[in-house]
Each structure stands twice: as C-alpha cells, then as structure tokens.
Amino acid sequence: MISAVCSGQNADSLRVAPADSVESEQAFYLSLKNNLVYDAALVANLGLEIGLGGHFALDIPFTFSPYDVSDNYRMRTLSVQPELRYYFKPGGRRHYVGIHGNLAYYNVVTPFNTKTRYQDRDGKHPLYGGGISYGYSLPFRKNNRWGVEFTIGAGYAYLDYDCYYNVDNGAWFNKDTKHYFGIDKAGVTIYYRIVDKRGKKK
C-alpha cells in the first residue's frame, strides 16, 4: 500500500496472483497410468508419473507380459522406459517434451516373420537405448483427476539377440545384433491422479 501511494499508483490497480496459481508452480502429484496402445498389442503395462514441482515430472512406464498370445504371436517382455519431462505449463498439463531411456528383456514372435522367435541373447543382454519425445496431456474435465495423454518418441536402441525356429522346443540357429533408429515410444494413455497438487491423498 505504501509503495503504491509513493509511486502515484492506485492501490486498486495492484493485482495479487490467486493462491491456487502460486501453488501450481510448486505442484506435486502422483498419477497411475495405462497405455491403451500396449493394451491393443496385448502387452500388460502400468505407469507412474511423479510431479517434481514447477514444470518438471518423472514418468516411469513398466511392461510385464509373461504369456504367449498364440503360436504365431508372442510379445513376452519385461521393460521400463523412464522419462524426464518438461511441461510448458506447470502442474503436468498440456504440451511437454521429454528425454527417455529404454531397457527391455524380450522373447517375441512378430506377424512379420512367424517362423522365427527372437530373444535377448542368453537372457543377459537386454535392449537398451534412449531418445526424445513430445506429448500432450489433457484432463477430461477442468480440475478432474482423470485424463488422457498422447505421446510419440524416437531414438536409438541396441539389440543383441538369439534366433530360434518358432516351433515347439525350436532350435537355436543364429545370433545377431542390430542398431535401431526410429520410433521407440507411442501412447494413448489414460491416467488417474491419486495425489493432487497440494499433496493430499484421495
């Protein structure tokens, strides 16, 4: 008030940021997530996203699919793809960019080659790599804990794998390595925030 009078300004012209907007700059939240793209591929998955305050968040999606879908389609995997995100608006909403890493054990038969089964070599050489991503996170309604997220990412992965004939007790016949560059992340993900921006459980 004193500074407003001394500077010749009308005190009524001063504006104070709403309390909730100040809080959002230091927002903490915890979300549970499920990627519908993985579900469509019959790969079980669950993710966590942790708001680190301000514009940053840590996203940690897991997959664990120990089952065979059919003789000609197998997507056994145990993987994690941690990602550090920067949201252009604080509080984990709207547009973001991210940097992610990849680590995956796998045992797969794809529709592109149903005669061969590919497995990380000796079960001791997982896929690894990393990349960058872009996404958009949108609540279903304003201040709603439920929402949907769209994401796409590209990067590099190194694979060191064994090849087996895709028959019962199929024999090993080759080993190979591959340097992959391309799309390594895609998702249409449903999330639910189990902790709100003030850290209150619900």
N, C-alpha and C. Protein backbone atom coordinates (compact mmCIF):
# COMPACT_ATOMS: atom_id res chain seq x y z
N MET A 1 0.84 -1.20 0.00
CA MET A 1 0.00 0.00 0.00
C MET A 1 0.87 1.24 0.00
N ILE A 2 1.92 1.26 0.88
CA ILE A 2 2.79 2.43 0.98
C ILE A 2 3.51 2.66 -0.33
N SER A 3 4.03 1.55 -0.93
CA SER A 3 4.77 1.71 -2.18
C SER A 3 3.86 2.19 -3.30
N ALA A 4 2.59 1.78 -3.27
CA ALA A 4 1.65 2.21 -4.30
C ALA A 4 1.39 3.70 -4.20
N VAL A 5 1.24 4.21 -2.97
CA VAL A 5 0.99 5.63 -2.77
C VAL A 5 2.20 6.44 -3.18
N CYS A 6 3.41 5.98 -2.78
CA CYS A 6 4.63 6.72 -3.09
C CYS A 6 4.88 6.78 -4.58
N SER A 7 4.50 5.75 -5.31
CA SER A 7 4.75 5.74 -6.75
C SER A 7 3.63 6.40 -7.53
N GLY A 8 2.59 6.84 -6.83
CA GLY A 8 1.49 7.51 -7.50
C GLY A 8 0.50 6.55 -8.11
N GLN A 9 0.60 5.25 -7.83
CA GLN A 9 -0.31 4.28 -8.37
C GLN A 9 -1.52 4.12 -7.47
N ASN A 10 -2.63 3.78 -8.08
CA ASN A 10 -3.84 3.47 -7.34
C ASN A 10 -3.70 2.08 -6.75
N ALA A 11 -3.93 1.95 -5.45
CA ALA A 11 -3.78 0.65 -4.79
C ALA A 11 -4.70 -0.38 -5.39
N ASP A 12 -5.86 0.07 -5.93
CA ASP A 12 -6.80 -0.88 -6.51
C ASP A 12 -6.26 -1.52 -7.78
N SER A 13 -5.23 -0.86 -8.38
CA SER A 13 -4.69 -1.40 -9.63
C SER A 13 -3.73 -2.56 -9.40
N LEU A 14 -3.32 -2.73 -8.12
CA LEU A 14 -2.42 -3.84 -7.81
C LEU A 14 -3.16 -5.15 -7.92
N ARG A 15 -2.49 -6.18 -8.42
CA ARG A 15 -3.09 -7.49 -8.57
C ARG A 15 -2.24 -8.53 -7.84
N VAL A 16 -2.89 -9.39 -7.10
CA VAL A 16 -2.21 -10.47 -6.39
C VAL A 16 -2.59 -11.77 -7.05
N ALA A 17 -1.61 -12.62 -7.35
CA ALA A 17 -1.89 -13.90 -8.02
C ALA A 17 -2.75 -14.75 -7.12
N PRO A 18 -3.76 -15.40 -7.67
CA PRO A 18 -4.58 -16.31 -6.88
C PRO A 18 -3.72 -17.35 -6.20
N ALA A 19 -4.18 -17.76 -5.01
CA ALA A 19 -3.39 -18.71 -4.22
C ALA A 19 -3.16 -20.01 -4.98
N ASP A 20 -4.17 -20.48 -5.73
CA ASP A 20 -4.00 -21.77 -6.40
C ASP A 20 -2.99 -21.68 -7.53
N SER A 21 -2.84 -20.49 -8.19
CA SER A 21 -1.86 -20.38 -9.25
C SER A 21 -0.45 -20.39 -8.68
N VAL A 22 -0.27 -19.81 -7.47
CA VAL A 22 1.03 -19.86 -6.82
C VAL A 22 1.36 -21.29 -6.44
N GLU A 23 0.35 -22.01 -5.91
CA GLU A 23 0.57 -23.39 -5.54
C GLU A 23 0.99 -24.23 -6.74
N SER A 24 0.38 -23.97 -7.89
CA SER A 24 0.62 -24.82 -9.03
C SER A 24 2.07 -24.77 -9.50
N GLU A 25 2.76 -23.63 -9.21
CA GLU A 25 4.16 -23.55 -9.59
C GLU A 25 5.00 -24.57 -8.84
N GLN A 26 4.54 -24.99 -7.68
CA GLN A 26 5.25 -25.98 -6.88
C GLN A 26 4.46 -27.29 -6.80
N ALA A 27 3.68 -27.56 -7.82
CA ALA A 27 2.75 -28.68 -7.78
C ALA A 27 3.48 -30.02 -7.65
N PHE A 28 2.96 -30.83 -6.72
CA PHE A 28 3.38 -32.22 -6.63
C PHE A 28 2.17 -33.08 -6.90
N TYR A 29 2.36 -34.12 -7.69
CA TYR A 29 1.26 -35.04 -7.95
C TYR A 29 1.82 -36.42 -8.23
N LEU A 30 0.96 -37.42 -8.13
CA LEU A 30 1.32 -38.80 -8.43
C LEU A 30 0.18 -39.40 -9.23
N SER A 31 0.47 -39.90 -10.42
CA SER A 31 -0.55 -40.45 -11.31
C SER A 31 -0.28 -41.91 -11.61
N LEU A 32 -1.34 -42.70 -11.68
CA LEU A 32 -1.29 -44.06 -12.20
C LEU A 32 -1.75 -44.02 -13.65
N LYS A 33 -1.09 -44.84 -14.52
CA LYS A 33 -1.34 -44.70 -15.96
C LYS A 33 -1.40 -46.07 -16.63
N ASN A 34 -2.18 -46.13 -17.71
CA ASN A 34 -2.26 -47.33 -18.53
C ASN A 34 -2.27 -46.94 -20.00
N ASN A 35 -1.34 -47.52 -20.78
CA ASN A 35 -1.18 -47.20 -22.18
C ASN A 35 -2.07 -48.10 -23.03
N LEU A 36 -3.06 -47.53 -23.71
CA LEU A 36 -4.01 -48.29 -24.49
C LEU A 36 -3.38 -48.89 -25.75
N VAL A 37 -2.29 -48.29 -26.25
CA VAL A 37 -1.59 -48.86 -27.40
C VAL A 37 -0.97 -50.20 -27.03
N TYR A 38 -0.35 -50.28 -25.85
CA TYR A 38 0.19 -51.56 -25.38
C TYR A 38 -0.93 -52.56 -25.11
N ASP A 39 -2.04 -52.09 -24.56
CA ASP A 39 -3.17 -52.98 -24.34
C ASP A 39 -3.64 -53.61 -25.64
N ALA A 40 -3.68 -52.81 -26.71
CA ALA A 40 -4.11 -53.31 -28.01
C ALA A 40 -3.16 -54.37 -28.54
N ALA A 41 -1.87 -54.26 -28.17
CA ALA A 41 -0.88 -55.26 -28.57
C ALA A 41 -0.83 -56.43 -27.60
N LEU A 42 -1.75 -56.44 -26.61
CA LEU A 42 -1.85 -57.49 -25.59
C LEU A 42 -0.60 -57.55 -24.71
N VAL A 43 -0.07 -56.36 -24.41
CA VAL A 43 1.09 -56.23 -23.52
C VAL A 43 0.63 -55.53 -22.24
N ALA A 44 0.71 -56.24 -21.13
CA ALA A 44 0.29 -55.67 -19.85
C ALA A 44 1.23 -54.52 -19.45
N ASN A 45 0.66 -53.43 -18.94
CA ASN A 45 1.50 -52.29 -18.61
C ASN A 45 0.88 -51.45 -17.50
N LEU A 46 1.73 -50.75 -16.79
CA LEU A 46 1.32 -49.82 -15.75
C LEU A 46 2.40 -48.77 -15.63
N GLY A 47 1.99 -47.51 -15.47
CA GLY A 47 2.95 -46.43 -15.36
C GLY A 47 2.70 -45.55 -14.14
N LEU A 48 3.74 -44.84 -13.75
CA LEU A 48 3.67 -43.84 -12.69
C LEU A 48 4.23 -42.53 -13.24
N GLU A 49 3.58 -41.43 -12.90
CA GLU A 49 4.15 -40.12 -13.20
C GLU A 49 4.19 -39.33 -11.90
N ILE A 50 5.36 -38.75 -11.64
CA ILE A 50 5.58 -38.01 -10.39
C ILE A 50 5.90 -36.57 -10.74
N GLY A 51 5.06 -35.64 -10.29
CA GLY A 51 5.34 -34.22 -10.47
C GLY A 51 6.46 -33.79 -9.55
N LEU A 52 7.49 -33.17 -10.11
CA LEU A 52 8.66 -32.79 -9.32
C LEU A 52 8.63 -31.34 -8.88
N GLY A 53 7.52 -30.66 -9.17
CA GLY A 53 7.42 -29.25 -8.84
C GLY A 53 7.69 -28.40 -10.07
N GLY A 54 6.95 -27.31 -10.20
CA GLY A 54 7.14 -26.45 -11.36
C GLY A 54 6.77 -27.15 -12.65
N HIS A 55 7.68 -27.12 -13.62
CA HIS A 55 7.41 -27.63 -14.96
C HIS A 55 7.87 -29.07 -15.16
N PHE A 56 8.56 -29.67 -14.20
CA PHE A 56 9.20 -30.96 -14.41
C PHE A 56 8.41 -32.12 -13.81
N ALA A 57 8.53 -33.29 -14.47
CA ALA A 57 7.90 -34.50 -13.98
C ALA A 57 8.75 -35.70 -14.40
N LEU A 58 8.62 -36.80 -13.66
CA LEU A 58 9.29 -38.06 -13.98
C LEU A 58 8.22 -39.09 -14.31
N ASP A 59 8.28 -39.63 -15.51
CA ASP A 59 7.33 -40.64 -15.97
C ASP A 59 8.04 -41.98 -16.03
N ILE A 60 7.43 -43.04 -15.44
CA ILE A 60 8.07 -44.35 -15.39
C ILE A 60 7.06 -45.42 -15.80
N PRO A 61 7.00 -45.77 -17.09
CA PRO A 61 6.10 -46.83 -17.53
C PRO A 61 6.79 -48.20 -17.48
N PHE A 62 6.06 -49.21 -17.02
CA PHE A 62 6.55 -50.58 -16.95
C PHE A 62 5.69 -51.48 -17.83
N THR A 63 6.29 -52.50 -18.44
CA THR A 63 5.53 -53.57 -19.07
C THR A 63 5.99 -54.90 -18.48
N PHE A 64 5.05 -55.82 -18.33
CA PHE A 64 5.38 -57.18 -17.88
C PHE A 64 4.34 -58.11 -18.49
N SER A 65 4.77 -58.85 -19.50
CA SER A 65 3.85 -59.75 -20.20
C SER A 65 4.53 -61.12 -20.34
N PRO A 66 4.29 -62.02 -19.40
CA PRO A 66 4.98 -63.31 -19.41
C PRO A 66 4.26 -64.40 -20.18
N TYR A 67 3.22 -64.06 -20.92
CA TYR A 67 2.36 -65.07 -21.55
C TYR A 67 2.53 -65.09 -23.06
N ASP A 68 2.13 -66.23 -23.67
CA ASP A 68 2.08 -66.37 -25.12
C ASP A 68 0.67 -66.07 -25.60
N VAL A 69 0.55 -65.26 -26.62
CA VAL A 69 -0.76 -64.94 -27.18
C VAL A 69 -1.24 -66.06 -28.11
N SER A 70 -0.36 -66.49 -29.00
CA SER A 70 -0.67 -67.59 -29.92
C SER A 70 0.64 -68.17 -30.42
N ASP A 71 0.56 -69.21 -31.25
CA ASP A 71 1.77 -69.81 -31.81
C ASP A 71 2.51 -68.84 -32.72
N ASN A 72 1.78 -67.94 -33.34
CA ASN A 72 2.39 -67.02 -34.30
C ASN A 72 2.52 -65.58 -33.79
N TYR A 73 2.20 -65.38 -32.52
CA TYR A 73 2.36 -64.03 -31.96
C TYR A 73 2.71 -64.14 -30.49
N ARG A 74 3.89 -63.69 -30.18
CA ARG A 74 4.37 -63.71 -28.80
C ARG A 74 5.02 -62.38 -28.50
N MET A 75 4.65 -61.78 -27.38
CA MET A 75 5.21 -60.49 -27.01
C MET A 75 5.56 -60.53 -25.52
N ARG A 76 6.35 -61.52 -25.16
CA ARG A 76 6.83 -61.58 -23.77
C ARG A 76 7.86 -60.47 -23.56
N THR A 77 7.66 -59.70 -22.52
CA THR A 77 8.60 -58.60 -22.27
C THR A 77 8.56 -58.16 -20.81
N LEU A 78 9.70 -57.70 -20.36
CA LEU A 78 9.83 -57.00 -19.09
C LEU A 78 10.64 -55.76 -19.38
N SER A 79 10.02 -54.58 -19.27
CA SER A 79 10.70 -53.37 -19.71
C SER A 79 10.36 -52.19 -18.83
N VAL A 80 11.21 -51.18 -18.92
CA VAL A 80 10.98 -49.90 -18.26
C VAL A 80 11.51 -48.81 -19.19
N GLN A 81 10.82 -47.67 -19.21
CA GLN A 81 11.19 -46.57 -20.11
C GLN A 81 11.07 -45.24 -19.36
N PRO A 82 11.98 -44.98 -18.42
CA PRO A 82 11.87 -43.74 -17.63
C PRO A 82 12.07 -42.51 -18.50
N GLU A 83 11.33 -41.45 -18.15
CA GLU A 83 11.40 -40.23 -18.95
C GLU A 83 11.32 -39.00 -18.04
N LEU A 84 12.23 -38.07 -18.27
CA LEU A 84 12.17 -36.76 -17.61
C LEU A 84 11.44 -35.81 -18.54
N ARG A 85 10.37 -35.19 -18.03
CA ARG A 85 9.52 -34.33 -18.86
C ARG A 85 9.60 -32.87 -18.42
N TYR A 86 9.45 -32.02 -19.42
CA TYR A 86 9.29 -30.60 -19.16
C TYR A 86 7.95 -30.17 -19.75
N TYR A 87 7.02 -29.77 -18.87
CA TYR A 87 5.72 -29.27 -19.32
C TYR A 87 5.80 -27.76 -19.53
N PHE A 88 5.22 -27.30 -20.63
CA PHE A 88 5.26 -25.87 -20.91
C PHE A 88 4.41 -25.07 -19.93
N LYS A 89 3.43 -25.74 -19.33
CA LYS A 89 2.68 -25.16 -18.22
C LYS A 89 2.92 -26.01 -16.98
N PRO A 90 3.09 -25.40 -15.81
CA PRO A 90 3.37 -26.19 -14.61
C PRO A 90 2.17 -27.04 -14.21
N GLY A 91 2.45 -28.09 -13.48
CA GLY A 91 1.38 -28.93 -12.96
C GLY A 91 1.06 -30.14 -13.82
N GLY A 92 1.90 -30.44 -14.83
CA GLY A 92 1.71 -31.65 -15.62
C GLY A 92 0.52 -31.63 -16.56
N ARG A 93 0.27 -30.49 -17.20
CA ARG A 93 -0.84 -30.36 -18.13
C ARG A 93 -0.34 -29.85 -19.49
N ARG A 94 -1.06 -30.19 -20.52
CA ARG A 94 -0.87 -29.68 -21.88
C ARG A 94 0.43 -30.21 -22.51
N HIS A 95 1.11 -29.37 -23.30
CA HIS A 95 2.26 -29.82 -24.09
C HIS A 95 3.48 -30.08 -23.21
N TYR A 96 4.26 -31.10 -23.65
CA TYR A 96 5.53 -31.36 -22.97
C TYR A 96 6.53 -31.95 -23.95
N VAL A 97 7.80 -31.86 -23.59
CA VAL A 97 8.88 -32.56 -24.28
C VAL A 97 9.62 -33.39 -23.24
N GLY A 98 10.24 -34.47 -23.69
CA GLY A 98 10.89 -35.35 -22.74
C GLY A 98 12.13 -36.03 -23.30
N ILE A 99 12.96 -36.51 -22.38
CA ILE A 99 14.13 -37.33 -22.69
C ILE A 99 13.94 -38.66 -21.98
N HIS A 100 14.00 -39.77 -22.73
CA HIS A 100 13.73 -41.07 -22.12
C HIS A 100 14.86 -42.06 -22.38
N GLY A 101 14.89 -43.09 -21.53
CA GLY A 101 15.79 -44.22 -21.71
C GLY A 101 14.98 -45.49 -21.92
N ASN A 102 15.60 -46.52 -22.48
CA ASN A 102 14.94 -47.79 -22.75
C ASN A 102 15.75 -48.95 -22.18
N LEU A 103 15.06 -49.88 -21.54
CA LEU A 103 15.67 -51.12 -21.08
C LEU A 103 14.61 -52.20 -21.15
N ALA A 104 14.89 -53.29 -21.90
CA ALA A 104 13.85 -54.30 -22.09
C ALA A 104 14.46 -55.68 -22.30
N TYR A 105 13.92 -56.65 -21.57
CA TYR A 105 14.14 -58.06 -21.87
C TYR A 105 12.97 -58.53 -22.71
N TYR A 106 13.20 -59.41 -23.66
CA TYR A 106 12.12 -59.73 -24.61
C TYR A 106 12.28 -61.16 -25.14
N ASN A 107 11.14 -61.70 -25.57
CA ASN A 107 11.05 -63.01 -26.20
C ASN A 107 9.84 -62.92 -27.12
N VAL A 108 10.07 -62.66 -28.42
CA VAL A 108 8.97 -62.24 -29.28
C VAL A 108 8.90 -63.04 -30.59
N VAL A 109 7.69 -63.18 -31.08
CA VAL A 109 7.40 -63.64 -32.44
C VAL A 109 6.48 -62.60 -33.04
N THR A 110 6.85 -62.04 -34.17
CA THR A 110 6.07 -60.96 -34.76
C THR A 110 5.29 -61.45 -35.98
N PRO A 111 4.22 -60.75 -36.33
CA PRO A 111 3.47 -61.12 -37.54
C PRO A 111 4.28 -60.97 -38.82
N PHE A 112 5.41 -60.25 -38.76
CA PHE A 112 6.24 -60.02 -39.94
C PHE A 112 7.11 -61.23 -40.28
N ASN A 113 7.35 -62.09 -39.28
CA ASN A 113 8.14 -63.30 -39.52
C ASN A 113 7.74 -64.33 -38.47
N THR A 114 6.71 -65.08 -38.77
CA THR A 114 6.16 -66.03 -37.79
C THR A 114 6.99 -67.30 -37.66
N LYS A 115 8.04 -67.46 -38.49
CA LYS A 115 8.86 -68.67 -38.45
C LYS A 115 10.03 -68.54 -37.47
N THR A 116 10.26 -67.33 -36.98
CA THR A 116 11.42 -67.08 -36.13
C THR A 116 11.00 -66.45 -34.81
N ARG A 117 11.63 -66.91 -33.73
CA ARG A 117 11.44 -66.32 -32.41
C ARG A 117 12.74 -65.61 -32.03
N TYR A 118 12.61 -64.37 -31.55
CA TYR A 118 13.77 -63.57 -31.19
C TYR A 118 13.80 -63.39 -29.67
N GLN A 119 14.98 -63.57 -29.10
CA GLN A 119 15.11 -63.45 -27.64
C GLN A 119 16.43 -62.77 -27.30
N ASP A 120 16.39 -61.89 -26.27
CA ASP A 120 17.63 -61.25 -25.84
C ASP A 120 18.66 -62.33 -25.54
N ARG A 121 19.88 -62.15 -26.03
CA ARG A 121 20.87 -63.22 -26.05
C ARG A 121 21.21 -63.73 -24.65
N ASP A 122 21.06 -65.03 -24.48
CA ASP A 122 21.33 -65.73 -23.22
C ASP A 122 20.50 -65.20 -22.06
N GLY A 123 19.50 -64.38 -22.36
CA GLY A 123 18.71 -63.78 -21.28
C GLY A 123 19.50 -62.78 -20.46
N LYS A 124 20.65 -62.34 -20.97
CA LYS A 124 21.54 -61.46 -20.20
C LYS A 124 21.89 -60.19 -20.95
N HIS A 125 21.32 -60.01 -22.13
CA HIS A 125 21.67 -58.84 -22.95
C HIS A 125 20.40 -58.10 -23.36
N PRO A 126 19.84 -57.31 -22.46
CA PRO A 126 18.59 -56.61 -22.79
C PRO A 126 18.80 -55.52 -23.83
N LEU A 127 17.73 -55.18 -24.50
CA LEU A 127 17.71 -53.99 -25.34
C LEU A 127 17.96 -52.77 -24.48
N TYR A 128 18.75 -51.83 -24.98
CA TYR A 128 18.91 -50.57 -24.27
C TYR A 128 19.10 -49.44 -25.26
N GLY A 129 18.77 -48.24 -24.82
CA GLY A 129 18.89 -47.07 -25.68
C GLY A 129 18.21 -45.87 -25.06
N GLY A 130 17.82 -44.93 -25.91
CA GLY A 130 17.17 -43.72 -25.41
C GLY A 130 16.74 -42.83 -26.56
N GLY A 131 15.99 -41.78 -26.22
CA GLY A 131 15.50 -40.89 -27.25
C GLY A 131 14.81 -39.66 -26.68
N ILE A 132 14.09 -38.97 -27.55
CA ILE A 132 13.34 -37.78 -27.18
C ILE A 132 11.88 -37.98 -27.55
N SER A 133 11.01 -37.22 -26.90
CA SER A 133 9.58 -37.41 -27.16
C SER A 133 8.83 -36.08 -27.04
N TYR A 134 7.63 -36.10 -27.57
CA TYR A 134 6.71 -34.98 -27.47
C TYR A 134 5.34 -35.53 -27.10
N GLY A 135 4.59 -34.79 -26.29
CA GLY A 135 3.26 -35.26 -25.93
C GLY A 135 2.34 -34.14 -25.49
N TYR A 136 1.11 -34.54 -25.22
CA TYR A 136 0.07 -33.61 -24.79
C TYR A 136 -0.80 -34.32 -23.76
N SER A 137 -0.97 -33.71 -22.60
CA SER A 137 -1.72 -34.29 -21.50
C SER A 137 -2.96 -33.44 -21.23
N LEU A 138 -4.12 -34.08 -21.19
CA LEU A 138 -5.37 -33.35 -21.12
C LEU A 138 -6.33 -34.00 -20.13
N PRO A 139 -6.75 -33.28 -19.08
CA PRO A 139 -7.77 -33.82 -18.18
C PRO A 139 -9.12 -33.90 -18.88
N PHE A 140 -9.94 -34.86 -18.48
CA PHE A 140 -11.25 -34.99 -19.10
C PHE A 140 -12.13 -33.78 -18.80
N ARG A 141 -12.00 -33.24 -17.59
CA ARG A 141 -12.72 -32.03 -17.22
C ARG A 141 -11.78 -31.17 -16.39
N LYS A 142 -12.07 -29.89 -16.29
CA LYS A 142 -11.24 -28.99 -15.51
C LYS A 142 -11.19 -29.47 -14.06
N ASN A 143 -9.97 -29.54 -13.52
CA ASN A 143 -9.73 -29.98 -12.14
C ASN A 143 -10.14 -31.43 -11.90
N ASN A 144 -10.29 -32.22 -12.98
CA ASN A 144 -10.62 -33.63 -12.85
C ASN A 144 -9.33 -34.43 -12.73
N ARG A 145 -9.34 -35.46 -11.91
CA ARG A 145 -8.16 -36.30 -11.75
C ARG A 145 -7.95 -37.24 -12.93
N TRP A 146 -9.02 -37.58 -13.64
CA TRP A 146 -8.92 -38.45 -14.80
C TRP A 146 -8.53 -37.65 -16.04
N GLY A 147 -7.70 -38.26 -16.90
CA GLY A 147 -7.31 -37.58 -18.13
C GLY A 147 -6.71 -38.54 -19.13
N VAL A 148 -6.34 -37.99 -20.28
CA VAL A 148 -5.73 -38.78 -21.35
C VAL A 148 -4.48 -38.07 -21.83
N GLU A 149 -3.51 -38.88 -22.25
CA GLU A 149 -2.23 -38.34 -22.70
C GLU A 149 -1.87 -38.96 -24.05
N PHE A 150 -1.36 -38.14 -24.95
CA PHE A 150 -0.92 -38.60 -26.26
C PHE A 150 0.59 -38.35 -26.36
N THR A 151 1.33 -39.36 -26.80
CA THR A 151 2.78 -39.19 -26.86
C THR A 151 3.37 -39.95 -28.04
N ILE A 152 4.48 -39.42 -28.55
CA ILE A 152 5.25 -40.07 -29.61
C ILE A 152 6.72 -39.75 -29.36
N GLY A 153 7.59 -40.74 -29.60
CA GLY A 153 9.01 -40.52 -29.38
C GLY A 153 9.86 -41.30 -30.37
N ALA A 154 11.09 -40.85 -30.54
CA ALA A 154 12.02 -41.51 -31.45
C ALA A 154 13.40 -41.51 -30.81
N GLY A 155 14.20 -42.52 -31.19
CA GLY A 155 15.52 -42.59 -30.62
C GLY A 155 16.31 -43.77 -31.14
N TYR A 156 17.25 -44.24 -30.32
CA TYR A 156 18.18 -45.31 -30.68
C TYR A 156 18.02 -46.47 -29.72
N ALA A 157 18.18 -47.70 -30.25
CA ALA A 157 18.18 -48.89 -29.41
C ALA A 157 19.21 -49.88 -29.95
N TYR A 158 19.90 -50.54 -29.03
CA TYR A 158 20.85 -51.58 -29.39
C TYR A 158 20.29 -52.93 -28.96
N LEU A 159 20.26 -53.89 -29.91
CA LEU A 159 19.75 -55.22 -29.65
C LEU A 159 20.83 -56.27 -29.92
N ASP A 160 20.97 -57.20 -29.00
CA ASP A 160 21.89 -58.33 -29.13
C ASP A 160 21.04 -59.57 -28.83
N TYR A 161 20.73 -60.38 -29.85
CA TYR A 161 19.67 -61.39 -29.67
C TYR A 161 20.01 -62.72 -30.34
N ASP A 162 19.31 -63.75 -29.86
CA ASP A 162 19.35 -65.09 -30.43
C ASP A 162 18.13 -65.32 -31.30
N CYS A 163 18.27 -66.16 -32.30
CA CYS A 163 17.16 -66.53 -33.19
C CYS A 163 16.87 -68.03 -33.03
N TYR A 164 15.60 -68.36 -32.88
CA TYR A 164 15.15 -69.74 -32.73
C TYR A 164 14.07 -70.02 -33.77
N TYR A 165 13.97 -71.29 -34.19
CA TYR A 165 12.84 -71.69 -35.02
C TYR A 165 11.57 -71.64 -34.17
N ASN A 166 10.53 -71.04 -34.71
CA ASN A 166 9.29 -70.88 -33.96
C ASN A 166 8.41 -72.12 -34.05
N VAL A 167 8.89 -73.19 -33.39
CA VAL A 167 8.13 -74.44 -33.23
C VAL A 167 8.35 -74.89 -31.79
N ASP A 168 7.61 -75.89 -31.35
CA ASP A 168 7.81 -76.41 -30.00
C ASP A 168 9.25 -76.84 -29.82
N ASN A 169 9.88 -76.31 -28.75
CA ASN A 169 11.29 -76.59 -28.47
C ASN A 169 12.17 -76.27 -29.68
N GLY A 170 11.83 -75.20 -30.37
CA GLY A 170 12.56 -74.81 -31.56
C GLY A 170 14.03 -74.58 -31.30
N ALA A 171 14.87 -75.06 -32.19
CA ALA A 171 16.32 -75.00 -32.02
C ALA A 171 16.85 -73.60 -32.31
N TRP A 172 17.93 -73.27 -31.62
CA TRP A 172 18.67 -72.05 -31.90
C TRP A 172 19.36 -72.18 -33.25
N PHE A 173 19.38 -71.12 -34.06
CA PHE A 173 20.09 -71.23 -35.34
C PHE A 173 20.95 -70.02 -35.68
N ASN A 174 20.85 -68.95 -34.90
CA ASN A 174 21.67 -67.80 -35.25
C ASN A 174 21.69 -66.80 -34.09
N LYS A 175 22.65 -65.92 -34.10
CA LYS A 175 22.66 -64.77 -33.20
C LYS A 175 23.01 -63.55 -34.03
N ASP A 176 22.55 -62.39 -33.57
CA ASP A 176 22.77 -61.19 -34.37
C ASP A 176 22.68 -59.97 -33.47
N THR A 177 23.09 -58.83 -34.00
CA THR A 177 22.95 -57.54 -33.31
C THR A 177 22.30 -56.56 -34.26
N LYS A 178 21.70 -55.54 -33.69
CA LYS A 178 21.03 -54.53 -34.52
C LYS A 178 21.11 -53.18 -33.85
N HIS A 179 21.41 -52.16 -34.64
CA HIS A 179 21.34 -50.77 -34.19
C HIS A 179 20.07 -50.18 -34.81
N TYR A 180 19.14 -49.85 -33.95
CA TYR A 180 17.84 -49.36 -34.44
C TYR A 180 17.72 -47.87 -34.22
N PHE A 181 17.27 -47.15 -35.25
CA PHE A 181 16.95 -45.74 -35.15
C PHE A 181 15.52 -45.56 -35.66
N GLY A 182 14.66 -44.94 -34.87
CA GLY A 182 13.29 -44.74 -35.31
C GLY A 182 12.34 -44.54 -34.15
N ILE A 183 11.06 -44.76 -34.41
CA ILE A 183 10.03 -44.61 -33.38
C ILE A 183 10.27 -45.65 -32.28
N ASP A 184 10.38 -45.20 -31.05
CA ASP A 184 10.58 -46.12 -29.93
C ASP A 184 9.60 -45.87 -28.78
N LYS A 185 8.64 -45.01 -29.01
CA LYS A 185 7.69 -44.68 -27.95
C LYS A 185 6.40 -44.18 -28.58
N ALA A 186 5.27 -44.74 -28.18
CA ALA A 186 3.97 -44.29 -28.67
C ALA A 186 2.93 -44.61 -27.63
N GLY A 187 1.97 -43.72 -27.46
CA GLY A 187 0.97 -44.00 -26.45
C GLY A 187 -0.27 -43.14 -26.54
N VAL A 188 -1.38 -43.76 -26.22
CA VAL A 188 -2.62 -43.08 -25.87
C VAL A 188 -2.93 -43.61 -24.49
N THR A 189 -2.68 -42.79 -23.48
CA THR A 189 -2.62 -43.27 -22.11
C THR A 189 -3.69 -42.62 -21.25
N ILE A 190 -4.40 -43.47 -20.51
CA ILE A 190 -5.37 -42.98 -19.52
C ILE A 190 -4.66 -42.86 -18.17
N TYR A 191 -4.88 -41.74 -17.48
CA TYR A 191 -4.25 -41.58 -16.18
C TYR A 191 -5.26 -41.18 -15.11
N TYR A 192 -4.89 -41.48 -13.86
CA TYR A 192 -5.67 -41.05 -12.71
C TYR A 192 -4.71 -40.53 -11.65
N ARG A 193 -4.93 -39.32 -11.20
CA ARG A 193 -4.07 -38.72 -10.19
C ARG A 193 -4.54 -39.12 -8.79
N ILE A 194 -3.71 -39.89 -8.13
CA ILE A 194 -4.08 -40.35 -6.79
C ILE A 194 -3.62 -39.39 -5.71
N VAL A 195 -2.76 -38.45 -6.07
CA VAL A 195 -2.35 -37.37 -5.16
C VAL A 195 -2.50 -36.07 -5.93
N ASP A 196 -3.14 -35.06 -5.30
CA ASP A 196 -3.36 -33.80 -6.01
C ASP A 196 -2.17 -32.85 -5.82
N LYS A 197 -2.29 -31.64 -6.37
CA LYS A 197 -1.17 -30.71 -6.38
C LYS A 197 -0.74 -30.23 -4.99
N ARG A 198 -1.63 -30.39 -4.01
CA ARG A 198 -1.27 -29.99 -2.65
C ARG A 198 -0.77 -31.16 -1.84
N GLY A 199 -0.63 -32.33 -2.50
CA GLY A 199 -0.10 -33.48 -1.82
C GLY A 199 -1.12 -34.19 -0.96
N LYS A 200 -2.41 -33.89 -1.14
CA LYS A 200 -3.45 -34.53 -0.34
C LYS A 200 -3.89 -35.81 -1.01
N LYS A 201 -4.01 -36.87 -0.26
CA LYS A 201 -4.46 -38.15 -0.80
C LYS A 201 -5.97 -38.13 -0.96
N LYS A 202 -6.42 -38.94 -1.94
CA LYS A 202 -7.86 -39.05 -2.15
C LYS A 202 -8.20 -40.47 -2.52
